[in-house]
């Protein structure tokens, strides 16, 4: 009986501490009332009192464990899938801006298939915060009002394993895709407050893409074209 009462009080205190840790308000009077009600259980028959206390304590401890297990989302990089193949990076940026995300992203890359001179149908976008990443996943998913004929429906998922602005920049700054022979519209781009900025300089000499002519147009190595990524 005493153990159940102690467990109940510990659970209430732990729940209050968990709320404080999450920045939520804690009503001390309510906490005291909860503790008082726990003490009032002593007026009940032993068996009923112990069973009720144990049940409430177990439920409260489960609630605390559930709260503590909920991790705050920190990811910012998303993958926008099911884009029309006729789209370009400029179409992507126009889509983002028209849907209320101008100034809310700082990196965008629309991989191109140079053999067909068309997109792969997906793009990587890094949002300025985890909150904006959650918003674009929520609000852009399901979009289908294209400016070109298409029946595709946008799906926005996490860009794992690539995550964060720095990771995105480091992934591509020394890639052949950044070589001067590659058109700018095919390269990753960074932004500040909705305006494109110069991409950070490479830290080593860039390899020239291994272009070659084919019957369908230009083709290049996988790293330059992005063809190592799976199309949506």
C-alpha atoms as a PDB file:
ATOM      1  CA  UNK A   1       0.000   0.000   0.000  1.00  0.00           C
ATOM      2  CA  UNK A   2       2.712   2.429   1.017  1.00  0.00           C
ATOM      3  CA  UNK A   3       4.742   1.479  -2.039  1.00  0.00           C
ATOM      4  CA  UNK A   4       1.751   2.200  -4.290  1.00  0.00           C
ATOM      5  CA  UNK A   5       1.296   5.620  -2.688  1.00  0.00           C
ATOM      6  CA  UNK A   6       4.989   6.431  -3.158  1.00  0.00           C
ATOM      7  CA  UNK A   7       4.814   5.305  -6.762  1.00  0.00           C
ATOM      8  CA  UNK A   8       1.773   7.488  -7.359  1.00  0.00           C
ATOM      9  CA  UNK A   9       3.459  10.572  -5.940  1.00  0.00           C
ATOM     10  CA  UNK A  10       6.654   9.855  -7.883  1.00  0.00           C
ATOM     11  CA  UNK A  11       4.646   9.538 -11.087  1.00  0.00           C
ATOM     12  CA  UNK A  12       2.896  12.870 -10.537  1.00  0.00           C
ATOM     13  CA  UNK A  13       6.162  14.632  -9.760  1.00  0.00           C
ATOM     14  CA  UNK A  14       7.820  13.048 -12.796  1.00  0.00           C
ATOM     15  CA  UNK A  15       4.967  14.182 -14.995  1.00  0.00           C
ATOM     16  CA  UNK A  16       5.309  17.730 -13.697  1.00  0.00           C
ATOM     17  CA  UNK A  17       9.068  17.633 -14.315  1.00  0.00           C
ATOM     18  CA  UNK A  18       8.493  16.379 -17.844  1.00  0.00           C
ATOM     19  CA  UNK A  19       6.149  19.290 -18.525  1.00  0.00           C
ATOM     20  CA  UNK A  20       8.726  21.766 -17.225  1.00  0.00           C
ATOM     21  CA  UNK A  21      11.428  20.197 -19.408  1.00  0.00           C
ATOM     22  CA  UNK A  22       9.205  20.675 -22.454  1.00  0.00           C
ATOM     23  CA  UNK A  23       8.575  24.306 -21.518  1.00  0.00           C
ATOM     24  CA  UNK A  24       4.939  23.685 -20.613  1.00  0.00           C
ATOM     25  CA  UNK A  25       3.328  25.466 -17.641  1.00  0.00           C
ATOM     26  CA  UNK A  26       2.840  23.542 -14.413  1.00  0.00           C
ATOM     27  CA  UNK A  27       0.058  24.582 -12.039  1.00  0.00           C
ATOM     28  CA  UNK A  28       1.522  24.020  -8.567  1.00  0.00           C
ATOM     29  CA  UNK A  29      -1.927  24.149  -6.977  1.00  0.00           C
ATOM     30  CA  UNK A  30      -3.158  21.423  -9.325  1.00  0.00           C
ATOM     31  CA  UNK A  31      -0.085  19.374  -8.543  1.00  0.00           C
ATOM     32  CA  UNK A  32      -0.715  19.741  -4.822  1.00  0.00           C
ATOM     33  CA  UNK A  33      -4.359  18.787  -5.340  1.00  0.00           C
ATOM     34  CA  UNK A  34      -3.309  15.687  -7.234  1.00  0.00           C
ATOM     35  CA  UNK A  35      -0.995  14.730  -4.411  1.00  0.00           C
ATOM     36  CA  UNK A  36      -3.727  15.397  -1.846  1.00  0.00           C
ATOM     37  CA  UNK A  37      -6.140  13.204  -3.743  1.00  0.00           C
ATOM     38  CA  UNK A  38      -3.528  10.499  -3.731  1.00  0.00           C
ATOM     39  CA  UNK A  39      -3.273  10.786   0.060  1.00  0.00           C
ATOM     40  CA  UNK A  40      -7.067  10.652   0.356  1.00  0.00           C
ATOM     41  CA  UNK A  41      -6.988   7.156  -1.075  1.00  0.00           C
ATOM     42  CA  UNK A  42      -6.067   6.048   2.472  1.00  0.00           C
ATOM     43  CA  UNK A  43      -9.766   6.248   3.399  1.00  0.00           C
ATOM     44  CA  UNK A  44     -10.566   3.384   1.011  1.00  0.00           C
ATOM     45  CA  UNK A  45     -10.362  -0.318   1.901  1.00  0.00           C
ATOM     46  CA  UNK A  46      -6.829  -1.649   1.642  1.00  0.00           C
ATOM     47  CA  UNK A  47      -7.362  -3.908  -1.368  1.00  0.00           C
ATOM     48  CA  UNK A  48      -9.352  -1.346  -3.383  1.00  0.00           C
ATOM     49  CA  UNK A  49      -6.982   1.481  -2.403  1.00  0.00           C
ATOM     50  CA  UNK A  50      -3.887  -0.442  -3.406  1.00  0.00           C
ATOM     51  CA  UNK A  51      -5.378  -1.579  -6.691  1.00  0.00           C
ATOM     52  CA  UNK A  52      -6.525   1.940  -7.617  1.00  0.00           C
ATOM     53  CA  UNK A  53      -3.185   3.492  -6.689  1.00  0.00           C
ATOM     54  CA  UNK A  54      -1.232   0.900  -8.594  1.00  0.00           C
ATOM     55  CA  UNK A  55      -3.425   1.357 -11.664  1.00  0.00           C
ATOM     56  CA  UNK A  56      -3.177   5.148 -11.576  1.00  0.00           C
ATOM     57  CA  UNK A  57       0.542   5.053 -10.916  1.00  0.00           C
ATOM     58  CA  UNK A  58       1.132   2.659 -13.799  1.00  0.00           C
ATOM     59  CA  UNK A  59      -0.932   4.833 -16.145  1.00  0.00           C
ATOM     60  CA  UNK A  60       0.872   8.003 -15.060  1.00  0.00           C
ATOM     61  CA  UNK A  61       4.275   6.396 -15.508  1.00  0.00           C
ATOM     62  CA  UNK A  62       3.281   5.261 -19.004  1.00  0.00           C
ATOM     63  CA  UNK A  63       2.222   8.822 -19.825  1.00  0.00           C
ATOM     64  CA  UNK A  64       5.575  10.166 -18.632  1.00  0.00           C
ATOM     65  CA  UNK A  65       7.465   7.558 -20.627  1.00  0.00           C
ATOM     66  CA  UNK A  66       5.407   8.417 -23.706  1.00  0.00           C
ATOM     67  CA  UNK A  67       6.150  12.139 -23.320  1.00  0.00           C
ATOM     68  CA  UNK A  68       9.856  11.539 -22.892  1.00  0.00           C
ATOM     69  CA  UNK A  69       9.963   9.245 -25.931  1.00  0.00           C
ATOM     70  CA  UNK A  70       8.544  11.950 -28.197  1.00  0.00           C
ATOM     71  CA  UNK A  71      11.616  13.492 -29.817  1.00  0.00           C
ATOM     72  CA  UNK A  72      11.554  17.003 -31.212  1.00  0.00           C
ATOM     73  CA  UNK A  73      11.901  16.912 -35.010  1.00  0.00           C
ATOM     74  CA  UNK A  74      15.198  18.452 -36.163  1.00  0.00           C
ATOM     75  CA  UNK A  75      15.390  17.423 -39.829  1.00  0.00           C
ATOM     76  CA  UNK A  76      15.232  20.189 -42.447  1.00  0.00           C
ATOM     77  CA  UNK A  77      15.979  18.505 -45.788  1.00  0.00           C
ATOM     78  CA  UNK A  78      13.091  17.088 -47.790  1.00  0.00           C
ATOM     79  CA  UNK A  79      12.718  15.260 -51.059  1.00  0.00           C
ATOM     80  CA  UNK A  80       9.929  16.545 -53.303  1.00  0.00           C
ATOM     81  CA  UNK A  81       8.791  13.631 -55.432  1.00  0.00           C
ATOM     82  CA  UNK A  82       6.503  13.133 -58.431  1.00  0.00           C
ATOM     83  CA  UNK A  83       7.431  16.335 -60.224  1.00  0.00           C
ATOM     84  CA  UNK A  84       6.745  16.524 -63.989  1.00  0.00           C
ATOM     85  CA  UNK A  85       9.758  15.381 -66.004  1.00  0.00           C
ATOM     86  CA  UNK A  86       9.475  18.532 -68.118  1.00  0.00           C
ATOM     87  CA  UNK A  87      10.134  20.686 -65.066  1.00  0.00           C
ATOM     88  CA  UNK A  88      13.420  22.463 -64.402  1.00  0.00           C
ATOM     89  CA  UNK A  89      14.930  24.038 -61.317  1.00  0.00           C
ATOM     90  CA  UNK A  90      13.200  27.298 -62.205  1.00  0.00           C
ATOM     91  CA  UNK A  91       9.840  25.530 -62.329  1.00  0.00           C
ATOM     92  CA  UNK A  92      10.597  24.027 -58.934  1.00  0.00           C
ATOM     93  CA  UNK A  93      11.438  27.416 -57.419  1.00  0.00           C
ATOM     94  CA  UNK A  94       8.306  28.956 -58.925  1.00  0.00           C
ATOM     95  CA  UNK A  95       6.257  26.143 -57.392  1.00  0.00           C
ATOM     96  CA  UNK A  96       7.790  26.664 -53.957  1.00  0.00           C
ATOM     97  CA  UNK A  97       7.367  30.437 -54.060  1.00  0.00           C
ATOM     98  CA  UNK A  98       3.790  30.308 -55.352  1.00  0.00           C
ATOM     99  CA  UNK A  99       2.798  27.947 -52.553  1.00  0.00           C
ATOM    100  CA  UNK A 100       4.014  30.279 -49.832  1.00  0.00           C
ATOM    101  CA  UNK A 101       7.551  29.002 -49.252  1.00  0.00           C
ATOM    102  CA  UNK A 102       9.572  31.901 -50.620  1.00  0.00           C
ATOM    103  CA  UNK A 103      12.302  32.741 -48.117  1.00  0.00           C
ATOM    104  CA  UNK A 104      11.632  29.485 -46.256  1.00  0.00           C
ATOM    105  CA  UNK A 105      14.259  27.380 -48.064  1.00  0.00           C
ATOM    106  CA  UNK A 106      18.003  27.885 -48.440  1.00  0.00           C
ATOM    107  CA  UNK A 107      18.994  25.051 -50.782  1.00  0.00           C
ATOM    108  CA  UNK A 108      17.386  23.494 -53.842  1.00  0.00           C
ATOM    109  CA  UNK A 109      18.595  20.902 -56.327  1.00  0.00           C
ATOM    110  CA  UNK A 110      16.634  19.503 -59.239  1.00  0.00           C
ATOM    111  CA  UNK A 111      18.695  16.621 -60.702  1.00  0.00           C
ATOM    112  CA  UNK A 112      18.665  16.399 -64.490  1.00  0.00           C
ATOM    113  CA  UNK A 113      19.025  13.477 -66.856  1.00  0.00           C
ATOM    114  CA  UNK A 114      21.279  14.916 -69.547  1.00  0.00           C
ATOM    115  CA  UNK A 115      20.632  11.983 -71.855  1.00  0.00           C
ATOM    116  CA  UNK A 116      17.058  13.229 -72.261  1.00  0.00           C
ATOM    117  CA  UNK A 117      17.636  16.789 -71.062  1.00  0.00           C
ATOM    118  CA  UNK A 118      14.816  16.306 -68.604  1.00  0.00           C
ATOM    119  CA  UNK A 119      14.358  16.003 -64.886  1.00  0.00           C
ATOM    120  CA  UNK A 120      14.260  12.793 -62.907  1.00  0.00           C
ATOM    121  CA  UNK A 121      10.993  13.853 -61.316  1.00  0.00           C
ATOM    122  CA  UNK A 122      12.268  14.741 -57.861  1.00  0.00           C
ATOM    123  CA  UNK A 123      14.203  17.467 -56.073  1.00  0.00           C
ATOM    124  CA  UNK A 124      16.017  18.059 -52.806  1.00  0.00           C
ATOM    125  CA  UNK A 125      15.094  21.142 -50.796  1.00  0.00           C
ATOM    126  CA  UNK A 126      16.493  22.263 -47.473  1.00  0.00           C
ATOM    127  CA  UNK A 127      14.165  24.387 -45.374  1.00  0.00           C
ATOM    128  CA  UNK A 128      15.382  27.102 -43.011  1.00  0.00           C
ATOM    129  CA  UNK A 129      13.949  25.309 -39.972  1.00  0.00           C
ATOM    130  CA  UNK A 130      12.457  22.004 -38.877  1.00  0.00           C
ATOM    131  CA  UNK A 131       9.101  23.747 -38.510  1.00  0.00           C
ATOM    132  CA  UNK A 132       9.195  24.819 -42.159  1.00  0.00           C
ATOM    133  CA  UNK A 133      10.194  21.290 -43.163  1.00  0.00           C
ATOM    134  CA  UNK A 134       7.152  19.905 -41.386  1.00  0.00           C
ATOM    135  CA  UNK A 135       4.990  22.585 -43.001  1.00  0.00           C
ATOM    136  CA  UNK A 136       6.120  21.825 -46.533  1.00  0.00           C
ATOM    137  CA  UNK A 137       5.540  18.128 -45.956  1.00  0.00           C
ATOM    138  CA  UNK A 138       2.051  18.912 -44.739  1.00  0.00           C
ATOM    139  CA  UNK A 139       1.039  21.599 -47.222  1.00  0.00           C
ATOM    140  CA  UNK A 140       2.771  20.686 -50.486  1.00  0.00           C
ATOM    141  CA  UNK A 141       2.009  16.956 -50.435  1.00  0.00           C
ATOM    142  CA  UNK A 142      -0.952  16.309 -52.720  1.00  0.00           C
ATOM    143  CA  UNK A 143      -0.273  19.256 -55.043  1.00  0.00           C
ATOM    144  CA  UNK A 144      -1.297  18.536 -58.652  1.00  0.00           C
ATOM    145  CA  UNK A 145      -2.123  21.898 -60.282  1.00  0.00           C
ATOM    146  CA  UNK A 146       0.729  21.883 -62.796  1.00  0.00           C
ATOM    147  CA  UNK A 147       1.591  24.430 -65.452  1.00  0.00           C
ATOM    148  CA  UNK A 148       2.319  21.569 -67.863  1.00  0.00           C
ATOM    149  CA  UNK A 149       0.166  18.546 -68.708  1.00  0.00           C
ATOM    150  CA  UNK A 150       0.696  16.001 -65.924  1.00  0.00           C
ATOM    151  CA  UNK A 151      -1.331  13.721 -63.668  1.00  0.00           C
ATOM    152  CA  UNK A 152       1.379  13.443 -61.024  1.00  0.00           C
ATOM    153  CA  UNK A 153       0.628  14.167 -57.375  1.00  0.00           C
ATOM    154  CA  UNK A 154       3.402  15.587 -55.201  1.00  0.00           C
ATOM    155  CA  UNK A 155       4.743  13.592 -52.301  1.00  0.00           C
ATOM    156  CA  UNK A 156       7.141  15.277 -49.864  1.00  0.00           C
ATOM    157  CA  UNK A 157       9.280  12.949 -47.756  1.00  0.00           C
ATOM    158  CA  UNK A 158      12.468  13.336 -45.742  1.00  0.00           C
ATOM    159  CA  UNK A 159      15.691  13.640 -47.728  1.00  0.00           C
ATOM    160  CA  UNK A 160      17.532  11.086 -45.573  1.00  0.00           C
ATOM    161  CA  UNK A 161      20.379  10.352 -45.341  1.00  0.00           C
ATOM    162  CA  UNK A 162      21.234  13.857 -46.602  1.00  0.00           C
ATOM    163  CA  UNK A 163      20.154  16.290 -43.886  1.00  0.00           C
ATOM    164  CA  UNK A 164      20.903  19.945 -43.191  1.00  0.00           C
ATOM    165  CA  UNK A 165      22.168  22.934 -45.157  1.00  0.00           C
ATOM    166  CA  UNK A 166      25.846  22.242 -44.460  1.00  0.00           C
ATOM    167  CA  UNK A 167      25.504  18.597 -45.491  1.00  0.00           C
ATOM    168  CA  UNK A 168      23.793  19.597 -48.739  1.00  0.00           C
ATOM    169  CA  UNK A 169      26.508  22.119 -49.589  1.00  0.00           C
ATOM    170  CA  UNK A 170      29.348  19.735 -48.751  1.00  0.00           C
ATOM    171  CA  UNK A 171      27.723  16.969 -50.799  1.00  0.00           C
ATOM    172  CA  UNK A 172      27.861  19.014 -53.994  1.00  0.00           C
ATOM    173  CA  UNK A 173      30.502  21.749 -53.720  1.00  0.00           C
ATOM    174  CA  UNK A 174      33.256  19.414 -55.014  1.00  0.00           C
ATOM    175  CA  UNK A 175      31.022  17.468 -57.383  1.00  0.00           C
ATOM    176  CA  UNK A 176      31.476  17.564 -61.184  1.00  0.00           C
ATOM    177  CA  UNK A 177      27.929  18.925 -61.311  1.00  0.00           C
ATOM    178  CA  UNK A 178      29.419  22.251 -60.149  1.00  0.00           C
ATOM    179  CA  UNK A 179      31.935  22.375 -63.028  1.00  0.00           C
ATOM    180  CA  UNK A 180      31.810  25.515 -65.147  1.00  0.00           C
ATOM    181  CA  UNK A 181      30.767  23.471 -68.187  1.00  0.00           C
ATOM    182  CA  UNK A 182      27.469  22.548 -66.510  1.00  0.00           C
ATOM    183  CA  UNK A 183      24.612  25.030 -67.084  1.00  0.00           C
ATOM    184  CA  UNK A 184      23.684  26.902 -63.921  1.00  0.00           C
ATOM    185  CA  UNK A 185      20.053  25.791 -64.129  1.00  0.00           C
ATOM    186  CA  UNK A 186      21.236  22.200 -63.665  1.00  0.00           C
ATOM    187  CA  UNK A 187      23.268  22.923 -60.533  1.00  0.00           C
ATOM    188  CA  UNK A 188      22.276  22.997 -56.873  1.00  0.00           C
ATOM    189  CA  UNK A 189      21.584  26.524 -55.644  1.00  0.00           C
ATOM    190  CA  UNK A 190      21.550  28.259 -52.274  1.00  0.00           C
ATOM    191  CA  UNK A 191      19.323  31.122 -51.156  1.00  0.00           C
ATOM    192  CA  UNK A 192      19.011  33.813 -48.510  1.00  0.00           C
ATOM    193  CA  UNK A 193      15.590  35.383 -47.942  1.00  0.00           C
ATOM    194  CA  UNK A 194      14.397  34.083 -51.298  1.00  0.00           C
ATOM    195  CA  UNK A 195      17.346  35.343 -53.358  1.00  0.00           C
ATOM    196  CA  UNK A 196      19.918  33.078 -54.957  1.00  0.00           C
ATOM    197  CA  UNK A 197      23.460  33.451 -53.619  1.00  0.00           C
ATOM    198  CA  UNK A 198      26.848  32.347 -54.988  1.00  0.00           C
ATOM    199  CA  UNK A 199      27.499  28.709 -54.164  1.00  0.00           C
ATOM    200  CA  UNK A 200      30.480  28.175 -51.813  1.00  0.00           C
ATOM    201  CA  UNK A 201      33.742  27.696 -53.677  1.00  0.00           C
ATOM    202  CA  UNK A 202      35.032  24.124 -54.032  1.00  0.00           C
ATOM    203  CA  UNK A 203      37.794  23.018 -51.727  1.00  0.00           C
ATOM    204  CA  UNK A 204      39.579  21.119 -54.495  1.00  0.00           C
ATOM    205  CA  UNK A 205      39.846  21.189 -58.263  1.00  0.00           C
ATOM    206  CA  UNK A 206      36.618  20.091 -59.854  1.00  0.00           C
ATOM    207  CA  UNK A 207      36.654  17.176 -62.247  1.00  0.00           C
ATOM    208  CA  UNK A 208      35.200  17.918 -65.631  1.00  0.00           C
ATOM    209  CA  UNK A 209      32.053  15.891 -66.322  1.00  0.00           C
ATOM    210  CA  UNK A 210      32.596  13.051 -68.767  1.00  0.00           C
ATOM    211  CA  UNK A 211      30.194  14.370 -71.369  1.00  0.00           C
ATOM    212  CA  UNK A 212      29.578  12.464 -74.530  1.00  0.00           C
ATOM    213  CA  UNK A 213      27.149  12.914 -77.342  1.00  0.00           C
ATOM    214  CA  UNK A 214      24.407  10.379 -77.874  1.00  0.00           C
ATOM    215  CA  UNK A 215      21.422  10.085 -80.123  1.00  0.00           C
ATOM    216  CA  UNK A 216      19.211  11.408 -77.313  1.00  0.00           C
ATOM    217  CA  UNK A 217      21.423  14.286 -76.241  1.00  0.00           C
ATOM    218  CA  UNK A 218      24.070  14.833 -73.619  1.00  0.00           C
ATOM    219  CA  UNK A 219      24.903  12.278 -71.002  1.00  0.00           C
ATOM    220  CA  UNK A 220      27.405  12.375 -68.185  1.00  0.00           C
ATOM    221  CA  UNK A 221      28.801  10.446 -65.251  1.00  0.00           C
ATOM    222  CA  UNK A 222      26.426   9.500 -62.445  1.00  0.00           C
ATOM    223  CA  UNK A 223      27.770  12.033 -59.971  1.00  0.00           C
ATOM    224  CA  UNK A 224      27.249  14.894 -62.384  1.00  0.00           C
ATOM    225  CA  UNK A 225      23.771  13.929 -63.577  1.00  0.00           C
ATOM    226  CA  UNK A 226      22.386  12.657 -60.319  1.00  0.00           C
ATOM    227  CA  UNK A 227      21.386   9.419 -62.055  1.00  0.00           C
ATOM    228  CA  UNK A 228      22.677   7.438 -59.095  1.00  0.00           C
ATOM    229  CA  UNK A 229      19.544   8.596 -57.270  1.00  0.00           C
ATOM    230  CA  UNK A 230      16.360   6.613 -57.763  1.00  0.00           C
ATOM    231  CA  UNK A 231      13.660   8.406 -59.691  1.00  0.00           C
ATOM    232  CA  UNK A 232      10.306   8.818 -58.005  1.00  0.00           C
END
